[in-house]
Amino acid sequence: MRWLTGIFLLLLLLLQYALWFGNGGLLRVWQLNQAVEAQRVENVRLKERNDALEAEVRDLKQGLEAIEERARSDLGMIQKGETFFQVIEE
């Protein structure tokens, strides 16, 4: 009877090992859930960036104000009749 209890205990331990550490075990499922959540966060960040870029492209295609703003800020351009002032802060 004692050896039967030992066999059952050994089988129980083997099943527990498979449950926790085996292929598709709880540890692997937890790791995959963590990876999925990290990817969701990354996807949200990239979607926000893509939305901002899409809005900027739309503005550049439709409005002259956006083109003028881009020329002023990125290229330092000024219009005729304007005076350029450069302020240097200490």
PDB file of N, CA and C in Angstrom:
ATOM      1  N   MET A   1       0.816  -1.191   0.000  1.00  0.00           N
ATOM      2  CA  MET A   1       0.000   0.000   0.000  1.00  0.00           C
ATOM      3  C   MET A   1       0.861   1.257   0.000  1.00  0.00           C
ATOM      4  N   ARG A   2       1.985   1.152   0.682  1.00  0.00           N
ATOM      5  CA  ARG A   2       2.875   2.304   0.787  1.00  0.00           C
ATOM      6  C   ARG A   2       3.474   2.640  -0.575  1.00  0.00           C
ATOM      7  N   TRP A   3       3.826   1.626  -1.355  1.00  0.00           N
ATOM      8  CA  TRP A   3       4.406   1.879  -2.676  1.00  0.00           C
ATOM      9  C   TRP A   3       3.362   2.450  -3.641  1.00  0.00           C
ATOM     10  N   LEU A   4       2.078   2.105  -3.461  1.00  0.00           N
ATOM     11  CA  LEU A   4       1.005   2.651  -4.297  1.00  0.00           C
ATOM     12  C   LEU A   4       0.836   4.150  -4.028  1.00  0.00           C
ATOM     13  N   THR A   5       0.927   4.532  -2.785  1.00  0.00           N
ATOM     14  CA  THR A   5       0.871   5.946  -2.432  1.00  0.00           C
ATOM     15  C   THR A   5       2.054   6.692  -3.039  1.00  0.00           C
ATOM     16  N   GLY A   6       3.215   6.085  -3.008  1.00  0.00           N
ATOM     17  CA  GLY A   6       4.405   6.703  -3.604  1.00  0.00           C
ATOM     18  C   GLY A   6       4.257   6.879  -5.107  1.00  0.00           C
ATOM     19  N   ILE A   7       3.695   5.900  -5.760  1.00  0.00           N
ATOM     20  CA  ILE A   7       3.488   5.993  -7.216  1.00  0.00           C
ATOM     21  C   ILE A   7       2.499   7.118  -7.536  1.00  0.00           C
ATOM     22  N   PHE A   8       1.416   7.179  -6.779  1.00  0.00           N
ATOM     23  CA  PHE A   8       0.425   8.240  -7.012  1.00  0.00           C
ATOM     24  C   PHE A   8       1.019   9.627  -6.753  1.00  0.00           C
ATOM     25  N   LEU A   9       1.829   9.719  -5.723  1.00  0.00           N
ATOM     26  CA  LEU A   9       2.479  10.991  -5.423  1.00  0.00           C
ATOM     27  C   LEU A   9       3.436  11.390  -6.540  1.00  0.00           C
ATOM     28  N   LEU A  10       4.186  10.415  -7.066  1.00  0.00           N
ATOM     29  CA  LEU A  10       5.098  10.670  -8.176  1.00  0.00           C
ATOM     30  C   LEU A  10       4.341  11.108  -9.421  1.00  0.00           C
ATOM     31  N   LEU A  11       3.225  10.447  -9.719  1.00  0.00           N
ATOM     32  CA  LEU A  11       2.395  10.844 -10.864  1.00  0.00           C
ATOM     33  C   LEU A  11       1.825  12.248 -10.692  1.00  0.00           C
ATOM     34  N   LEU A  12       1.420  12.556  -9.482  1.00  0.00           N
ATOM     35  CA  LEU A  12       0.906  13.895  -9.194  1.00  0.00           C
ATOM     36  C   LEU A  12       1.984  14.946  -9.421  1.00  0.00           C
ATOM     37  N   LEU A  13       3.194  14.680  -8.975  1.00  0.00           N
ATOM     38  CA  LEU A  13       4.294  15.628  -9.185  1.00  0.00           C
ATOM     39  C   LEU A  13       4.614  15.797 -10.671  1.00  0.00           C
ATOM     40  N   LEU A  14       4.597  14.710 -11.426  1.00  0.00           N
ATOM     41  CA  LEU A  14       4.848  14.799 -12.867  1.00  0.00           C
ATOM     42  C   LEU A  14       3.775  15.629 -13.568  1.00  0.00           C
ATOM     43  N   LEU A  15       2.525  15.432 -13.172  1.00  0.00           N
ATOM     44  CA  LEU A  15       1.444  16.215 -13.760  1.00  0.00           C
ATOM     45  C   LEU A  15       1.557  17.694 -13.382  1.00  0.00           C
ATOM     46  N   GLN A  16       1.943  17.953 -12.163  1.00  0.00           N
ATOM     47  CA  GLN A  16       2.131  19.343 -11.737  1.00  0.00           C
ATOM     48  C   GLN A  16       3.277  20.013 -12.506  1.00  0.00           C
ATOM     49  N   TYR A  17       4.351  19.261 -12.733  1.00  0.00           N
ATOM     50  CA  TYR A  17       5.469  19.814 -13.501  1.00  0.00           C
ATOM     51  C   TYR A  17       5.005  20.179 -14.911  1.00  0.00           C
ATOM     52  N   ALA A  18       4.237  19.281 -15.540  1.00  0.00           N
ATOM     53  CA  ALA A  18       3.732  19.550 -16.886  1.00  0.00           C
ATOM     54  C   ALA A  18       2.784  20.748 -16.883  1.00  0.00           C
ATOM     55  N   LEU A  19       1.994  20.867 -15.844  1.00  0.00           N
ATOM     56  CA  LEU A  19       1.052  21.980 -15.751  1.00  0.00           C
ATOM     57  C   LEU A  19       1.776  23.320 -15.635  1.00  0.00           C
ATOM     58  N   TRP A  20       2.813  23.387 -14.827  1.00  0.00           N
ATOM     59  CA  TRP A  20       3.493  24.657 -14.572  1.00  0.00           C
ATOM     60  C   TRP A  20       4.584  24.967 -15.588  1.00  0.00           C
ATOM     61  N   PHE A  21       5.387  23.974 -15.957  1.00  0.00           N
ATOM     62  CA  PHE A  21       6.583  24.254 -16.752  1.00  0.00           C
ATOM     63  C   PHE A  21       6.581  23.635 -18.143  1.00  0.00           C
ATOM     64  N   GLY A  22       5.629  22.807 -18.473  1.00  0.00           N
ATOM     65  CA  GLY A  22       5.605  22.131 -19.761  1.00  0.00           C
ATOM     66  C   GLY A  22       5.229  23.070 -20.898  1.00  0.00           C
ATOM     67  N   ASN A  23       5.256  22.535 -22.114  1.00  0.00           N
ATOM     68  CA  ASN A  23       4.864  23.305 -23.286  1.00  0.00           C
ATOM     69  C   ASN A  23       3.380  23.658 -23.165  1.00  0.00           C
ATOM     70  N   GLY A  24       3.065  24.934 -23.148  1.00  0.00           N
ATOM     71  CA  GLY A  24       1.688  25.363 -22.938  1.00  0.00           C
ATOM     72  C   GLY A  24       1.304  25.417 -21.482  1.00  0.00           C
ATOM     73  N   GLY A  25       2.286  25.358 -20.590  1.00  0.00           N
ATOM     74  CA  GLY A  25       2.008  25.416 -19.154  1.00  0.00           C
ATOM     75  C   GLY A  25       1.686  26.829 -18.703  1.00  0.00           C
ATOM     76  N   LEU A  26       1.358  26.950 -17.445  1.00  0.00           N
ATOM     77  CA  LEU A  26       0.948  28.236 -16.899  1.00  0.00           C
ATOM     78  C   LEU A  26       2.050  29.293 -16.973  1.00  0.00           C
ATOM     79  N   LEU A  27       3.284  28.893 -16.777  1.00  0.00           N
ATOM     80  CA  LEU A  27       4.391  29.844 -16.859  1.00  0.00           C
ATOM     81  C   LEU A  27       4.514  30.409 -18.270  1.00  0.00           C
ATOM     82  N   ARG A  28       4.409  29.551 -19.275  1.00  0.00           N
ATOM     83  CA  ARG A  28       4.491  29.989 -20.680  1.00  0.00           C
ATOM     84  C   ARG A  28       3.310  30.887 -21.031  1.00  0.00           C
ATOM     85  N   VAL A  29       2.126  30.553 -20.553  1.00  0.00           N
ATOM     86  CA  VAL A  29       0.941  31.374 -20.809  1.00  0.00           C
ATOM     87  C   VAL A  29       1.120  32.752 -20.191  1.00  0.00           C
ATOM     88  N   TRP A  30       1.658  32.829 -18.991  1.00  0.00           N
ATOM     89  CA  TRP A  30       1.894  34.110 -18.334  1.00  0.00           C
ATOM     90  C   TRP A  30       2.893  34.941 -19.136  1.00  0.00           C
ATOM     91  N   GLN A  31       3.967  34.311 -19.618  1.00  0.00           N
ATOM     92  CA  GLN A  31       4.953  35.030 -20.432  1.00  0.00           C
ATOM     93  C   GLN A  31       4.330  35.558 -21.718  1.00  0.00           C
ATOM     94  N   LEU A  32       3.513  34.746 -22.351  1.00  0.00           N
ATOM     95  CA  LEU A  32       2.854  35.185 -23.586  1.00  0.00           C
ATOM     96  C   LEU A  32       1.881  36.334 -23.328  1.00  0.00           C
ATOM     97  N   ASN A  33       1.169  36.288 -22.212  1.00  0.00           N
ATOM     98  CA  ASN A  33       0.270  37.394 -21.866  1.00  0.00           C
ATOM     99  C   ASN A  33       1.045  38.687 -21.646  1.00  0.00           C
ATOM    100  N   GLN A  34       2.204  38.584 -21.016  1.00  0.00           N
ATOM    101  CA  GLN A  34       3.046  39.768 -20.819  1.00  0.00           C
ATOM    102  C   GLN A  34       3.517  40.325 -22.164  1.00  0.00           C
ATOM    103  N   ALA A  35       3.904  39.454 -23.073  1.00  0.00           N
ATOM    104  CA  ALA A  35       4.365  39.890 -24.397  1.00  0.00           C
ATOM    105  C   ALA A  35       3.228  40.530 -25.186  1.00  0.00           C
ATOM    106  N   VAL A  36       2.036  39.980 -25.083  1.00  0.00           N
ATOM    107  CA  VAL A  36       0.877  40.549 -25.776  1.00  0.00           C
ATOM    108  C   VAL A  36       0.566  41.936 -25.234  1.00  0.00           C
ATOM    109  N   GLU A  37       0.623  42.106 -23.939  1.00  0.00           N
ATOM    110  CA  GLU A  37       0.335  43.413 -23.336  1.00  0.00           C
ATOM    111  C   GLU A  37       1.381  44.447 -23.741  1.00  0.00           C
ATOM    112  N   ALA A  38       2.646  44.043 -23.770  1.00  0.00           N
ATOM    113  CA  ALA A  38       3.699  44.962 -24.210  1.00  0.00           C
ATOM    114  C   ALA A  38       3.495  45.355 -25.667  1.00  0.00           C
ATOM    115  N   GLN A  39       3.071  44.414 -26.492  1.00  0.00           N
ATOM    116  CA  GLN A  39       2.823  44.723 -27.905  1.00  0.00           C
ATOM    117  C   GLN A  39       1.623  45.647 -28.063  1.00  0.00           C
ATOM    118  N   ARG A  40       0.605  45.483 -27.218  1.00  0.00           N
ATOM    119  CA  ARG A  40      -0.553  46.390 -27.258  1.00  0.00           C
ATOM    120  C   ARG A  40      -0.137  47.819 -26.946  1.00  0.00           C
ATOM    121  N   VAL A  41       0.697  47.983 -25.938  1.00  0.00           N
ATOM    122  CA  VAL A  41       1.174  49.319 -25.574  1.00  0.00           C
ATOM    123  C   VAL A  41       1.960  49.926 -26.728  1.00  0.00           C
ATOM    124  N   GLU A  42       2.814  49.146 -27.341  1.00  0.00           N
ATOM    125  CA  GLU A  42       3.602  49.617 -28.489  1.00  0.00           C
ATOM    126  C   GLU A  42       2.697  49.983 -29.658  1.00  0.00           C
ATOM    127  N   ASN A  43       1.663  49.182 -29.893  1.00  0.00           N
ATOM    128  CA  ASN A  43       0.736  49.464 -30.988  1.00  0.00           C
ATOM    129  C   ASN A  43      -0.018  50.772 -30.764  1.00  0.00           C
ATOM    130  N   VAL A  44      -0.411  51.039 -29.525  1.00  0.00           N
ATOM    131  CA  VAL A  44      -1.092  52.296 -29.218  1.00  0.00           C
ATOM    132  C   VAL A  44      -0.162  53.473 -29.485  1.00  0.00           C
ATOM    133  N   ARG A  45       1.091  53.363 -29.071  1.00  0.00           N
ATOM    134  CA  ARG A  45       2.054  54.440 -29.291  1.00  0.00           C
ATOM    135  C   ARG A  45       2.266  54.676 -30.789  1.00  0.00           C
ATOM    136  N   LEU A  46       2.412  53.597 -31.535  1.00  0.00           N
ATOM    137  CA  LEU A  46       2.625  53.735 -32.973  1.00  0.00           C
ATOM    138  C   LEU A  46       1.380  54.267 -33.680  1.00  0.00           C
ATOM    139  N   LYS A  47       0.197  53.904 -33.219  1.00  0.00           N
ATOM    140  CA  LYS A  47      -1.037  54.424 -33.819  1.00  0.00           C
ATOM    141  C   LYS A  47      -1.143  55.924 -33.599  1.00  0.00           C
ATOM    142  N   GLU A  48      -0.803  56.386 -32.403  1.00  0.00           N
ATOM    143  CA  GLU A  48      -0.834  57.830 -32.137  1.00  0.00           C
ATOM    144  C   GLU A  48       0.157  58.563 -33.030  1.00  0.00           C
ATOM    145  N   ARG A  49       1.346  57.995 -33.200  1.00  0.00           N
ATOM    146  CA  ARG A  49       2.331  58.614 -34.077  1.00  0.00           C
ATOM    147  C   ARG A  49       1.839  58.638 -35.519  1.00  0.00           C
ATOM    148  N   ASN A  50       1.252  57.539 -35.973  1.00  0.00           N
ATOM    149  CA  ASN A  50       0.731  57.477 -37.335  1.00  0.00           C
ATOM    150  C   ASN A  50      -0.410  58.461 -37.550  1.00  0.00           C
ATOM    151  N   ASP A  51      -1.274  58.610 -36.552  1.00  0.00           N
ATOM    152  CA  ASP A  51      -2.370  59.577 -36.665  1.00  0.00           C
ATOM    153  C   ASP A  51      -1.838  60.995 -36.785  1.00  0.00           C
ATOM    154  N   ALA A  52      -0.802  61.320 -35.994  1.00  0.00           N
ATOM    155  CA  ALA A  52      -0.208  62.655 -36.072  1.00  0.00           C
ATOM    156  C   ALA A  52       0.427  62.887 -37.436  1.00  0.00           C
ATOM    157  N   LEU A  53       1.120  61.895 -37.951  1.00  0.00           N
ATOM    158  CA  LEU A  53       1.733  62.031 -39.273  1.00  0.00           C
ATOM    159  C   LEU A  53       0.671  62.147 -40.366  1.00  0.00           C
ATOM    160  N   GLU A  54      -0.404  61.397 -40.232  1.00  0.00           N
ATOM    161  CA  GLU A  54      -1.481  61.473 -41.213  1.00  0.00           C
ATOM    162  C   GLU A  54      -2.124  62.855 -41.215  1.00  0.00           C
ATOM    163  N   ALA A  55      -2.326  63.422 -40.036  1.00  0.00           N
ATOM    164  CA  ALA A  55      -2.897  64.770 -39.948  1.00  0.00           C
ATOM    165  C   ALA A  55      -1.955  65.797 -40.567  1.00  0.00           C
ATOM    166  N   GLU A  56      -0.670  65.634 -40.349  1.00  0.00           N
ATOM    167  CA  GLU A  56       0.297  66.561 -40.923  1.00  0.00           C
ATOM    168  C   GLU A  56       0.312  66.455 -42.448  1.00  0.00           C
ATOM    169  N   VAL A  57       0.245  65.247 -42.968  1.00  0.00           N
ATOM    170  CA  VAL A  57       0.207  65.063 -44.430  1.00  0.00           C
ATOM    171  C   VAL A  57      -1.060  65.676 -45.004  1.00  0.00           C
ATOM    172  N   ARG A  58      -2.177  65.469 -44.335  1.00  0.00           N
ATOM    173  CA  ARG A  58      -3.446  66.043 -44.783  1.00  0.00           C
ATOM    174  C   ARG A  58      -3.360  67.561 -44.804  1.00  0.00           C
ATOM    175  N   ASP A  59      -2.782  68.161 -43.762  1.00  0.00           N
ATOM    176  CA  ASP A  59      -2.632  69.613 -43.716  1.00  0.00           C
ATOM    177  C   ASP A  59      -1.733  70.110 -44.841  1.00  0.00           C
ATOM    178  N   LEU A  60      -0.658  69.388 -45.098  1.00  0.00           N
ATOM    179  CA  LEU A  60       0.251  69.809 -46.164  1.00  0.00           C
ATOM    180  C   LEU A  60      -0.401  69.701 -47.539  1.00  0.00           C
ATOM    181  N   LYS A  61      -1.273  68.748 -47.724  1.00  0.00           N
ATOM    182  CA  LYS A  61      -1.940  68.586 -49.018  1.00  0.00           C
ATOM    183  C   LYS A  61      -3.040  69.615 -49.220  1.00  0.00           C
ATOM    184  N   GLN A  62      -3.696  70.043 -48.140  1.00  0.00           N
ATOM    185  CA  GLN A  62      -4.887  70.869 -48.283  1.00  0.00           C
ATOM    186  C   GLN A  62      -4.658  72.345 -47.997  1.00  0.00           C
ATOM    187  N   GLY A  63      -3.805  72.684 -47.083  1.00  0.00           N
ATOM    188  CA  GLY A  63      -3.724  74.074 -46.649  1.00  0.00           C
ATOM    189  C   GLY A  63      -2.383  74.721 -46.923  1.00  0.00           C
ATOM    190  N   LEU A  64      -2.438  75.972 -47.380  1.00  0.00           N
ATOM    191  CA  LEU A  64      -1.205  76.720 -47.617  1.00  0.00           C
ATOM    192  C   LEU A  64      -0.572  77.197 -46.314  1.00  0.00           C
ATOM    193  N   GLU A  65      -1.395  77.351 -45.270  1.00  0.00           N
ATOM    194  CA  GLU A  65      -0.842  77.797 -43.983  1.00  0.00           C
ATOM    195  C   GLU A  65       0.166  76.789 -43.443  1.00  0.00           C
ATOM    196  N   ALA A  66      -0.141  75.508 -43.593  1.00  0.00           N
ATOM    197  CA  ALA A  66       0.769  74.475 -43.103  1.00  0.00           C
ATOM    198  C   ALA A  66       2.081  74.503 -43.882  1.00  0.00           C
ATOM    199  N   ILE A  67       2.000  74.709 -45.195  1.00  0.00           N
ATOM    200  CA  ILE A  67       3.215  74.781 -46.006  1.00  0.00           C
ATOM    201  C   ILE A  67       4.042  75.993 -45.603  1.00  0.00           C
ATOM    202  N   GLU A  68       3.354  77.135 -45.393  1.00  0.00           N
ATOM    203  CA  GLU A  68       4.063  78.349 -44.988  1.00  0.00           C
ATOM    204  C   GLU A  68       4.722  78.161 -43.620  1.00  0.00           C
ATOM    205  N   GLU A  69       4.011  77.549 -42.690  1.00  0.00           N
ATOM    206  CA  GLU A  69       4.567  77.298 -41.357  1.00  0.00           C
ATOM    207  C   GLU A  69       5.796  76.405 -41.440  1.00  0.00           C
ATOM    208  N   ARG A  70       5.712  75.369 -42.269  1.00  0.00           N
ATOM    209  CA  ARG A  70       6.846  74.458 -42.447  1.00  0.00           C
ATOM    210  C   ARG A  70       8.049  75.202 -43.032  1.00  0.00           C
ATOM    211  N   ALA A  71       7.809  76.048 -44.038  1.00  0.00           N
ATOM    212  CA  ALA A  71       8.894  76.796 -44.659  1.00  0.00           C
ATOM    213  C   ALA A  71       9.534  77.751 -43.657  1.00  0.00           C
ATOM    214  N   ARG A  72       8.727  78.375 -42.829  1.00  0.00           N
ATOM    215  CA  ARG A  72       9.267  79.317 -41.839  1.00  0.00           C
ATOM    216  C   ARG A  72      10.075  78.600 -40.752  1.00  0.00           C
ATOM    217  N   SER A  73       9.517  77.515 -40.216  1.00  0.00           N
ATOM    218  CA  SER A  73      10.181  76.868 -39.081  1.00  0.00           C
ATOM    219  C   SER A  73      11.373  76.014 -39.513  1.00  0.00           C
ATOM    220  N   ASP A  74      11.233  75.257 -40.593  1.00  0.00           N
ATOM    221  CA  ASP A  74      12.295  74.336 -40.992  1.00  0.00           C
ATOM    222  C   ASP A  74      13.360  74.986 -41.869  1.00  0.00           C
ATOM    223  N   LEU A  75      12.930  75.866 -42.752  1.00  0.00           N
ATOM    224  CA  LEU A  75      13.878  76.437 -43.711  1.00  0.00           C
ATOM    225  C   LEU A  75      14.270  77.874 -43.385  1.00  0.00           C
ATOM    226  N   GLY A  76      13.593  78.499 -42.408  1.00  0.00           N
ATOM    227  CA  GLY A  76      13.940  79.864 -42.025  1.00  0.00           C
ATOM    228  C   GLY A  76      13.543  80.892 -43.068  1.00  0.00           C
ATOM    229  N   MET A  77      12.548  80.625 -43.875  1.00  0.00           N
ATOM    230  CA  MET A  77      12.135  81.530 -44.940  1.00  0.00           C
ATOM    231  C   MET A  77      11.260  82.652 -44.388  1.00  0.00           C
ATOM    232  N   ILE A  78      11.307  83.815 -45.049  1.00  0.00           N
ATOM    233  CA  ILE A  78      10.455  84.951 -44.711  1.00  0.00           C
ATOM    234  C   ILE A  78       9.792  85.449 -45.984  1.00  0.00           C
ATOM    235  N   GLN A  79       8.685  86.179 -45.821  1.00  0.00           N
ATOM    236  CA  GLN A  79       7.979  86.725 -46.976  1.00  0.00           C
ATOM    237  C   GLN A  79       8.559  88.080 -47.353  1.00  0.00           C
ATOM    238  N   LYS A  80       8.207  88.531 -48.550  1.00  0.00           N
ATOM    239  CA  LYS A  80       8.634  89.864 -48.990  1.00  0.00           C
ATOM    240  C   LYS A  80       8.018  90.902 -48.066  1.00  0.00           C
ATOM    241  N   GLY A  81       8.823  91.902 -47.727  1.00  0.00           N
ATOM    242  CA  GLY A  81       8.348  92.981 -46.871  1.00  0.00           C
ATOM    243  C   GLY A  81       8.482  92.680 -45.384  1.00  0.00           C
ATOM    244  N   GLU A  82       8.859  91.497 -45.019  1.00  0.00           N
ATOM    245  CA  GLU A  82       9.033  91.169 -43.606  1.00  0.00           C
ATOM    246  C   GLU A  82      10.476  91.425 -43.199  1.00  0.00           C
ATOM    247  N   THR A  83      10.667  91.726 -41.932  1.00  0.00           N
ATOM    248  CA  THR A  83      12.004  91.929 -41.383  1.00  0.00           C
ATOM    249  C   THR A  83      12.302  90.752 -40.460  1.00  0.00           C
ATOM    250  N   PHE A  84      13.460  90.191 -40.634  1.00  0.00           N
ATOM    251  CA  PHE A  84      13.872  89.034 -39.844  1.00  0.00           C
ATOM    252  C   PHE A  84      14.602  89.502 -38.597  1.00  0.00           C
ATOM    253  N   PHE A  85      14.163  89.065 -37.435  1.00  0.00           N
ATOM    254  CA  PHE A  85      14.821  89.366 -36.185  1.00  0.00           C
ATOM    255  C   PHE A  85      15.241  88.036 -35.553  1.00  0.00           C
ATOM    256  N   GLN A  86      16.491  87.952 -35.144  1.00  0.00           N
ATOM    257  CA  GLN A  86      16.964  86.754 -34.460  1.00  0.00           C
ATOM    258  C   GLN A  86      17.230  87.111 -33.014  1.00  0.00           C
ATOM    259  N   VAL A  87      16.573  86.434 -32.114  1.00  0.00           N
ATOM    260  CA  VAL A  87      16.724  86.681 -30.688  1.00  0.00           C
ATOM    261  C   VAL A  87      17.616  85.598 -30.111  1.00  0.00           C
ATOM    262  N   ILE A  88      18.694  86.023 -29.512  1.00  0.00           N
ATOM    263  CA  ILE A  88      19.636  85.092 -28.882  1.00  0.00           C
ATOM    264  C   ILE A  88      19.482  85.223 -27.381  1.00  0.00           C
ATOM    265  N   GLU A  89      19.107  84.115 -26.752  1.00  0.00           N
ATOM    266  CA  GLU A  89      18.922  84.124 -25.305  1.00  0.00           C
ATOM    267  C   GLU A  89      20.224  83.700 -24.641  1.00  0.00           C
ATOM    268  N   GLU A  90      20.468  84.256 -23.483  1.00  0.00           N
ATOM    269  CA  GLU A  90      21.679  83.940 -22.748  1.00  0.00           C
ATOM    270  C   GLU A  90      21.549  82.644 -22.004  1.00  0.00           C
TER     271      GLU A  90
END
